[in-house]
Amino acid sequence: CVMDSVYNVIELIGTSDHSWERATANAVAEAAKTLRDLRVAEVTEQDVVIEEGEVVAFRCKVRLSFKHEG
């Protein structure tokens, strides 16, 4: 028997001075501190911060879904 489910979705922006992958992982790790049953993380945007002609930070906008508890 397959149960119907409902999920909440939030959006976070993770940052890293090393890579987009680490920026995504930072967003997921932060969400995992307060949310249970995370299911999917979708990177919806990526950008970089530039200072004096150099990339100094990677940023990812991450949409996270987690199971709704009624």
Protein backbone atom coordinates (compact mmCIF):
# COMPACT_ATOMS: atom_id res chain seq x y z
CA CYS A 1 0.00 0.00 0.00
CA VAL A 2 1.42 3.40 -1.01
CA MET A 3 0.74 6.21 1.46
CA ASP A 4 -0.04 9.69 0.23
CA SER A 5 2.38 12.31 1.57
CA VAL A 6 2.64 16.06 1.82
CA TYR A 7 5.95 17.94 1.79
CA ASN A 8 7.03 21.41 2.86
CA VAL A 9 9.49 23.35 0.72
CA ILE A 10 11.91 26.03 1.90
CA GLU A 11 14.62 27.95 0.12
CA LEU A 12 18.05 28.70 1.55
CA ILE A 13 21.20 30.30 0.18
CA GLY A 14 24.39 28.47 1.06
CA THR A 15 27.81 30.10 0.71
CA SER A 16 31.38 28.85 0.54
CA ASP A 17 34.75 30.31 -0.30
CA HIS A 18 35.73 27.00 -1.98
CA SER A 19 33.00 25.71 -4.33
CA TRP A 20 29.33 25.56 -5.29
CA GLU A 21 29.24 21.97 -4.03
CA ARG A 22 30.36 23.07 -0.58
CA ALA A 23 27.90 25.98 -0.64
CA THR A 24 25.09 23.48 -1.34
CA ALA A 25 26.32 21.13 1.39
CA ASN A 26 26.45 24.05 3.86
CA ALA A 27 22.80 24.92 3.15
CA VAL A 28 21.72 21.29 3.60
CA ALA A 29 23.75 20.88 6.79
CA GLU A 30 22.24 24.02 8.29
CA ALA A 31 18.70 22.91 7.42
CA ALA A 32 19.37 19.47 8.92
CA LYS A 33 20.04 21.09 12.31
CA THR A 34 16.38 22.04 12.74
CA LEU A 35 14.38 20.07 10.16
CA ARG A 36 13.62 16.36 10.18
CA ASP A 37 13.14 14.03 7.26
CA LEU A 38 14.81 16.11 4.53
CA ARG A 39 14.05 14.51 1.17
CA VAL A 40 15.34 16.49 -1.82
CA ALA A 41 17.69 19.43 -2.35
CA GLU A 42 17.44 21.22 -5.69
CA VAL A 43 19.96 23.90 -6.65
CA THR A 44 17.93 26.57 -8.43
CA GLU A 45 20.59 29.27 -8.89
CA GLN A 46 24.34 29.66 -8.62
CA ASP A 47 26.41 32.82 -8.50
CA VAL A 48 29.72 34.13 -7.25
CA VAL A 49 30.80 37.17 -5.28
CA ILE A 50 33.64 39.12 -6.90
CA GLU A 51 35.97 41.51 -5.10
CA GLU A 52 38.84 43.31 -6.85
CA GLY A 53 38.43 41.11 -9.92
CA GLU A 54 38.61 37.80 -8.04
CA VAL A 55 35.97 35.29 -6.98
CA VAL A 56 35.78 35.36 -3.19
CA ALA A 57 32.59 33.34 -2.55
CA PHE A 58 30.35 30.79 -4.24
CA ARG A 59 26.61 30.95 -3.54
CA CYS A 60 23.82 28.46 -4.25
CA LYS A 61 20.11 28.99 -3.84
CA VAL A 62 18.82 25.61 -2.67
CA ARG A 63 15.18 24.50 -2.52
CA LEU A 64 14.76 21.83 0.17
CA SER A 65 11.78 19.59 0.72
CA PHE A 66 10.92 17.72 3.89
CA LYS A 67 7.99 15.58 4.93
CA HIS A 68 5.12 17.54 6.49
CA GLU A 69 4.12 16.44 9.97
CA GLY A 70 0.49 17.28 10.63
